[in-house]
Structure formats: C-alpha cells, structure tokens
Amino acid sequence: MTDEIFTNFIQAWADEHKIINKCNEGFWQCFENYKTEVPKKFSEVFPNEKNGVSIVLEKICFCLGYYIKYDERPTVQVDFCIFLEDSEIGWYREIYFTDGEFVDEFFVIE
C-alpha cells in the first residue's frame, strides 16, 4: 500500500466515524471534568477558564502492539496539542478500535 493510499484510508476512516468532532467534544468534556475534579490546579492552569484554550490535531496513528493491550486489537490513536494562547501546555489523546468504537482517552497538562 502506498503512502497516499494509506493516508486516504485513514482520512476516510476519520471522516466516516466523525472522529475529529468526537475528539473535540471529548476534549471539552475532559476539560470540564478537570475543572470539577481538580479545581485548584485547574484555576492555576486556566485562570480565564476557556478563554484562549484551543486544541490542534497533531497526528492520527494506526497502532499495532500498543503497550496497553486493548484486547490485542489494532487501534487508531488521535493526538491533539493543547494550547493556552500561543503556548503548548499539554496534549489530549483518544483511542479507537478500527470499527470506530471508542476505547480510551488521555488529558495531560504538562
């Protein structure tokens, strides 16, 4: 399979399963959970709440043999950089099975 064919396959998969929209919604849900679960840390990192916060798609990866064994099935990992104004402050990742089923997520502030 050529790079172009594989790229088109991954892009079609993401479009079919509306992955970017799902990840965007998932990020903001994690953001709200972080606000509720760790309010002091949240207010230190995000003094203006959502103002100036954005995410940017970094990569979409097809993964075999991922270090966390998700039923020994291949997964697709979607990574975003988290920005506050112009500074990268962390990352957000969602993991899916190839059928589009959501598997896991990570919300990391560095």
N, C-alpha and C. Protein backbone atom coordinates (compact mmCIF):
# COMPACT_ATOMS: atom_id res chain seq x y z
N MET A 1 0.86 -1.18 0.00
CA MET A 1 0.00 0.00 0.00
C MET A 1 0.90 1.24 0.00
N THR A 2 0.63 2.15 -0.89
CA THR A 2 1.44 3.36 -0.95
C THR A 2 1.05 4.32 0.17
N ASP A 3 1.94 5.28 0.44
CA ASP A 3 1.66 6.28 1.47
C ASP A 3 0.37 7.04 1.17
N GLU A 4 0.16 7.37 -0.09
CA GLU A 4 -1.03 8.13 -0.47
C GLU A 4 -2.31 7.33 -0.22
N ILE A 5 -2.28 6.05 -0.57
CA ILE A 5 -3.45 5.19 -0.35
C ILE A 5 -3.72 5.04 1.14
N PHE A 6 -2.66 4.83 1.93
CA PHE A 6 -2.84 4.68 3.38
C PHE A 6 -3.35 5.98 4.00
N THR A 7 -2.81 7.10 3.57
CA THR A 7 -3.27 8.41 4.06
C THR A 7 -4.74 8.61 3.73
N ASN A 8 -5.13 8.28 2.52
CA ASN A 8 -6.54 8.41 2.12
C ASN A 8 -7.43 7.49 2.93
N PHE A 9 -6.94 6.29 3.23
CA PHE A 9 -7.69 5.33 4.03
C PHE A 9 -7.93 5.88 5.44
N ILE A 10 -6.88 6.40 6.09
CA ILE A 10 -7.02 6.94 7.44
C ILE A 10 -7.94 8.16 7.44
N GLN A 11 -7.80 9.01 6.44
CA GLN A 11 -8.66 10.19 6.37
C GLN A 11 -10.12 9.79 6.15
N ALA A 12 -10.37 8.81 5.30
CA ALA A 12 -11.73 8.33 5.06
C ALA A 12 -12.30 7.70 6.33
N TRP A 13 -11.46 6.94 7.06
CA TRP A 13 -11.89 6.33 8.32
C TRP A 13 -12.30 7.43 9.31
N ALA A 14 -11.47 8.45 9.45
CA ALA A 14 -11.77 9.55 10.38
C ALA A 14 -13.05 10.28 9.97
N ASP A 15 -13.23 10.49 8.69
CA ASP A 15 -14.44 11.15 8.20
C ASP A 15 -15.68 10.28 8.45
N GLU A 16 -15.58 9.00 8.14
CA GLU A 16 -16.72 8.08 8.30
C GLU A 16 -17.20 8.03 9.74
N HIS A 17 -16.26 8.03 10.68
CA HIS A 17 -16.61 7.90 12.10
C HIS A 17 -16.69 9.25 12.82
N LYS A 18 -16.56 10.34 12.06
CA LYS A 18 -16.64 11.70 12.62
C LYS A 18 -15.70 11.88 13.82
N ILE A 19 -14.50 11.37 13.66
CA ILE A 19 -13.53 11.30 14.75
C ILE A 19 -13.10 12.68 15.24
N ILE A 20 -12.86 13.62 14.35
CA ILE A 20 -12.40 14.93 14.80
C ILE A 20 -13.48 15.60 15.65
N ASN A 21 -14.73 15.51 15.24
CA ASN A 21 -15.83 16.07 16.04
C ASN A 21 -15.94 15.37 17.39
N LYS A 22 -15.83 14.05 17.39
CA LYS A 22 -15.91 13.29 18.64
C LYS A 22 -14.77 13.69 19.58
N CYS A 23 -13.57 13.82 19.04
CA CYS A 23 -12.42 14.21 19.86
C CYS A 23 -12.58 15.62 20.42
N ASN A 24 -13.09 16.51 19.62
CA ASN A 24 -13.33 17.88 20.08
C ASN A 24 -14.31 17.87 21.25
N GLU A 25 -15.41 17.15 21.11
CA GLU A 25 -16.38 17.04 22.20
C GLU A 25 -15.76 16.37 23.42
N GLY A 26 -14.99 15.31 23.19
CA GLY A 26 -14.35 14.61 24.30
C GLY A 26 -13.36 15.49 25.05
N PHE A 27 -12.61 16.30 24.30
CA PHE A 27 -11.66 17.20 24.95
C PHE A 27 -12.39 18.16 25.89
N TRP A 28 -13.45 18.80 25.41
CA TRP A 28 -14.15 19.78 26.25
C TRP A 28 -14.83 19.12 27.44
N GLN A 29 -15.25 17.86 27.29
CA GLN A 29 -15.81 17.14 28.44
C GLN A 29 -14.71 16.88 29.47
N CYS A 30 -13.52 16.47 29.02
CA CYS A 30 -12.39 16.27 29.94
C CYS A 30 -11.99 17.59 30.60
N PHE A 31 -12.02 18.66 29.83
CA PHE A 31 -11.72 19.99 30.36
C PHE A 31 -12.66 20.32 31.52
N GLU A 32 -13.96 20.09 31.33
CA GLU A 32 -14.95 20.35 32.38
C GLU A 32 -14.75 19.41 33.57
N ASN A 33 -14.41 18.15 33.30
CA ASN A 33 -14.15 17.20 34.39
C ASN A 33 -12.94 17.64 35.20
N TYR A 34 -11.89 18.11 34.53
CA TYR A 34 -10.69 18.60 35.20
C TYR A 34 -11.05 19.78 36.10
N LYS A 35 -11.88 20.65 35.61
CA LYS A 35 -12.34 21.82 36.37
C LYS A 35 -13.06 21.39 37.65
N THR A 36 -13.88 20.36 37.55
CA THR A 36 -14.66 19.87 38.69
C THR A 36 -13.82 19.04 39.66
N GLU A 37 -12.97 18.17 39.10
CA GLU A 37 -12.24 17.21 39.92
C GLU A 37 -11.00 17.80 40.58
N VAL A 38 -10.36 18.78 39.96
CA VAL A 38 -9.14 19.37 40.50
C VAL A 38 -9.24 20.90 40.38
N PRO A 39 -10.19 21.50 41.11
CA PRO A 39 -10.46 22.93 40.91
C PRO A 39 -9.28 23.86 41.18
N LYS A 40 -8.47 23.56 42.19
CA LYS A 40 -7.34 24.44 42.49
C LYS A 40 -6.31 24.41 41.36
N LYS A 41 -5.92 23.23 40.94
CA LYS A 41 -4.96 23.10 39.85
C LYS A 41 -5.54 23.69 38.55
N PHE A 42 -6.82 23.44 38.31
CA PHE A 42 -7.47 23.97 37.12
C PHE A 42 -7.36 25.49 37.08
N SER A 43 -7.66 26.15 38.19
CA SER A 43 -7.62 27.62 38.20
C SER A 43 -6.20 28.17 38.06
N GLU A 44 -5.20 27.38 38.47
CA GLU A 44 -3.81 27.79 38.27
C GLU A 44 -3.43 27.71 36.79
N VAL A 45 -3.86 26.65 36.13
CA VAL A 45 -3.52 26.44 34.72
C VAL A 45 -4.38 27.29 33.80
N PHE A 46 -5.67 27.38 34.12
CA PHE A 46 -6.63 28.08 33.28
C PHE A 46 -7.30 29.22 34.06
N PRO A 47 -6.58 30.29 34.34
CA PRO A 47 -7.15 31.37 35.15
C PRO A 47 -8.35 32.06 34.49
N ASN A 48 -8.44 31.99 33.17
CA ASN A 48 -9.57 32.60 32.45
C ASN A 48 -10.51 31.55 31.88
N GLU A 49 -10.52 30.38 32.52
CA GLU A 49 -11.33 29.25 32.08
C GLU A 49 -11.07 28.92 30.62
N LYS A 50 -12.09 28.95 29.74
CA LYS A 50 -11.92 28.53 28.35
C LYS A 50 -11.26 29.58 27.46
N ASN A 51 -11.18 30.81 27.93
CA ASN A 51 -10.61 31.87 27.10
C ASN A 51 -9.16 31.55 26.74
N GLY A 52 -8.88 31.54 25.45
CA GLY A 52 -7.52 31.29 24.97
C GLY A 52 -7.14 29.84 24.84
N VAL A 53 -8.05 28.92 25.18
CA VAL A 53 -7.75 27.49 25.11
C VAL A 53 -8.16 26.96 23.74
N SER A 54 -7.26 26.18 23.13
CA SER A 54 -7.57 25.55 21.84
C SER A 54 -6.81 24.24 21.73
N ILE A 55 -7.29 23.40 20.82
CA ILE A 55 -6.56 22.17 20.52
C ILE A 55 -6.28 22.14 19.03
N VAL A 56 -5.16 21.51 18.69
CA VAL A 56 -4.73 21.40 17.30
C VAL A 56 -4.36 19.94 17.05
N LEU A 57 -4.93 19.38 15.99
CA LEU A 57 -4.62 18.00 15.64
C LEU A 57 -3.13 17.86 15.37
N GLU A 58 -2.51 16.92 16.06
CA GLU A 58 -1.09 16.65 15.84
C GLU A 58 -0.90 15.46 14.90
N LYS A 59 -1.63 14.36 15.19
CA LYS A 59 -1.45 13.18 14.35
C LYS A 59 -2.58 12.18 14.57
N ILE A 60 -2.75 11.33 13.56
CA ILE A 60 -3.63 10.17 13.65
C ILE A 60 -2.76 8.98 13.29
N CYS A 61 -2.71 8.00 14.19
CA CYS A 61 -1.81 6.86 14.01
C CYS A 61 -2.56 5.54 14.08
N PHE A 62 -2.23 4.64 13.19
CA PHE A 62 -2.71 3.26 13.24
C PHE A 62 -1.70 2.50 14.09
N CYS A 63 -2.19 1.82 15.13
CA CYS A 63 -1.27 1.18 16.09
C CYS A 63 -1.48 -0.32 16.18
N LEU A 64 -0.38 -1.04 16.06
CA LEU A 64 -0.34 -2.47 16.29
C LEU A 64 0.56 -2.71 17.49
N GLY A 65 0.16 -3.62 18.37
CA GLY A 65 1.01 -3.93 19.51
C GLY A 65 1.18 -2.79 20.47
N TYR A 66 0.17 -1.96 20.63
CA TYR A 66 0.22 -0.83 21.55
C TYR A 66 0.55 -1.34 22.94
N TYR A 67 1.29 -0.56 23.72
CA TYR A 67 1.78 -1.05 25.00
C TYR A 67 0.67 -1.41 25.98
N ILE A 68 -0.49 -0.82 25.85
CA ILE A 68 -1.64 -1.25 26.64
C ILE A 68 -2.44 -2.16 25.72
N LYS A 69 -2.60 -3.38 26.10
CA LYS A 69 -3.24 -4.37 25.23
C LYS A 69 -4.76 -4.18 25.26
N TYR A 70 -5.27 -3.58 24.22
CA TYR A 70 -6.71 -3.40 24.07
C TYR A 70 -7.28 -4.62 23.36
N ASP A 71 -7.43 -5.70 24.12
CA ASP A 71 -7.95 -6.96 23.57
C ASP A 71 -7.11 -7.46 22.41
N GLU A 72 -5.84 -7.06 22.37
CA GLU A 72 -4.93 -7.48 21.30
C GLU A 72 -5.41 -7.02 19.92
N ARG A 73 -6.25 -6.00 19.89
CA ARG A 73 -6.79 -5.49 18.63
C ARG A 73 -6.02 -4.25 18.19
N PRO A 74 -5.90 -4.02 16.89
CA PRO A 74 -5.28 -2.78 16.43
C PRO A 74 -6.16 -1.59 16.82
N THR A 75 -5.53 -0.46 17.02
CA THR A 75 -6.24 0.75 17.40
C THR A 75 -5.80 1.91 16.53
N VAL A 76 -6.59 2.97 16.59
CA VAL A 76 -6.25 4.22 15.94
C VAL A 76 -6.16 5.26 17.05
N GLN A 77 -5.03 5.94 17.10
CA GLN A 77 -4.74 6.93 18.14
C GLN A 77 -4.79 8.31 17.51
N VAL A 78 -5.57 9.21 18.13
CA VAL A 78 -5.73 10.56 17.61
C VAL A 78 -5.20 11.52 18.67
N ASP A 79 -4.14 12.26 18.32
CA ASP A 79 -3.46 13.14 19.28
C ASP A 79 -3.64 14.60 18.91
N PHE A 80 -3.91 15.40 19.93
CA PHE A 80 -4.05 16.85 19.80
C PHE A 80 -3.09 17.54 20.77
N CYS A 81 -2.57 18.67 20.38
CA CYS A 81 -1.81 19.53 21.28
C CYS A 81 -2.81 20.49 21.93
N ILE A 82 -2.62 20.75 23.21
CA ILE A 82 -3.47 21.72 23.93
C ILE A 82 -2.69 23.02 24.04
N PHE A 83 -3.30 24.10 23.60
CA PHE A 83 -2.69 25.42 23.66
C PHE A 83 -3.47 26.34 24.57
N LEU A 84 -2.74 27.18 25.28
CA LEU A 84 -3.30 28.30 26.04
C LEU A 84 -2.63 29.53 25.45
N GLU A 85 -3.44 30.33 24.76
CA GLU A 85 -2.91 31.44 23.96
C GLU A 85 -1.94 30.84 22.93
N ASP A 86 -0.66 31.20 22.97
CA ASP A 86 0.31 30.71 21.99
C ASP A 86 1.23 29.64 22.55
N SER A 87 0.97 29.19 23.78
CA SER A 87 1.86 28.22 24.42
C SER A 87 1.23 26.84 24.49
N GLU A 88 2.01 25.84 24.08
CA GLU A 88 1.55 24.46 24.21
C GLU A 88 1.68 24.06 25.68
N ILE A 89 0.57 23.59 26.27
CA ILE A 89 0.58 23.26 27.70
C ILE A 89 0.28 21.80 27.99
N GLY A 90 0.00 21.02 26.96
CA GLY A 90 -0.30 19.62 27.20
C GLY A 90 -0.78 18.94 25.94
N TRP A 91 -1.40 17.77 26.13
CA TRP A 91 -1.89 17.01 25.00
C TRP A 91 -3.14 16.23 25.38
N TYR A 92 -3.91 15.91 24.36
CA TYR A 92 -5.14 15.13 24.53
C TYR A 92 -5.13 14.02 23.48
N ARG A 93 -5.46 12.81 23.91
CA ARG A 93 -5.45 11.65 23.02
C ARG A 93 -6.74 10.86 23.19
N GLU A 94 -7.30 10.44 22.07
CA GLU A 94 -8.39 9.47 22.08
C GLU A 94 -7.94 8.26 21.30
N ILE A 95 -8.37 7.09 21.75
CA ILE A 95 -8.01 5.83 21.11
C ILE A 95 -9.31 5.12 20.72
N TYR A 96 -9.32 4.60 19.50
CA TYR A 96 -10.48 3.91 18.94
C TYR A 96 -10.06 2.58 18.38
N PHE A 97 -11.01 1.62 18.36
CA PHE A 97 -10.82 0.42 17.56
C PHE A 97 -11.08 0.80 16.11
N THR A 98 -10.67 -0.04 15.20
CA THR A 98 -10.80 0.28 13.78
C THR A 98 -12.25 0.33 13.31
N ASP A 99 -13.19 -0.22 14.10
CA ASP A 99 -14.60 -0.12 13.73
C ASP A 99 -15.22 1.21 14.20
N GLY A 100 -14.39 2.08 14.81
CA GLY A 100 -14.87 3.38 15.28
C GLY A 100 -15.30 3.38 16.73
N GLU A 101 -15.23 2.24 17.41
CA GLU A 101 -15.62 2.16 18.82
C GLU A 101 -14.58 2.88 19.69
N PHE A 102 -15.04 3.78 20.54
CA PHE A 102 -14.18 4.50 21.47
C PHE A 102 -13.59 3.52 22.47
N VAL A 103 -12.29 3.69 22.79
CA VAL A 103 -11.61 2.80 23.70
C VAL A 103 -11.13 3.52 24.96
N ASP A 104 -10.44 4.64 24.78
CA ASP A 104 -9.80 5.30 25.93
C ASP A 104 -9.46 6.73 25.57
N GLU A 105 -9.14 7.54 26.59
CA GLU A 105 -8.70 8.91 26.36
C GLU A 105 -7.70 9.32 27.42
N PHE A 106 -6.89 10.31 27.08
CA PHE A 106 -5.90 10.86 27.99
C PHE A 106 -5.92 12.37 27.87
N PHE A 107 -5.92 13.06 29.01
CA PHE A 107 -5.91 14.51 29.08
C PHE A 107 -4.72 14.87 29.98
N VAL A 108 -3.67 15.42 29.40
CA VAL A 108 -2.43 15.64 30.14
C VAL A 108 -2.02 17.10 30.05
N ILE A 109 -1.85 17.73 31.21
CA ILE A 109 -1.31 19.09 31.30
C ILE A 109 0.11 18.96 31.81
N GLU A 110 1.06 19.53 31.05
CA GLU A 110 2.47 19.36 31.43
C GLU A 110 3.00 20.59 32.15
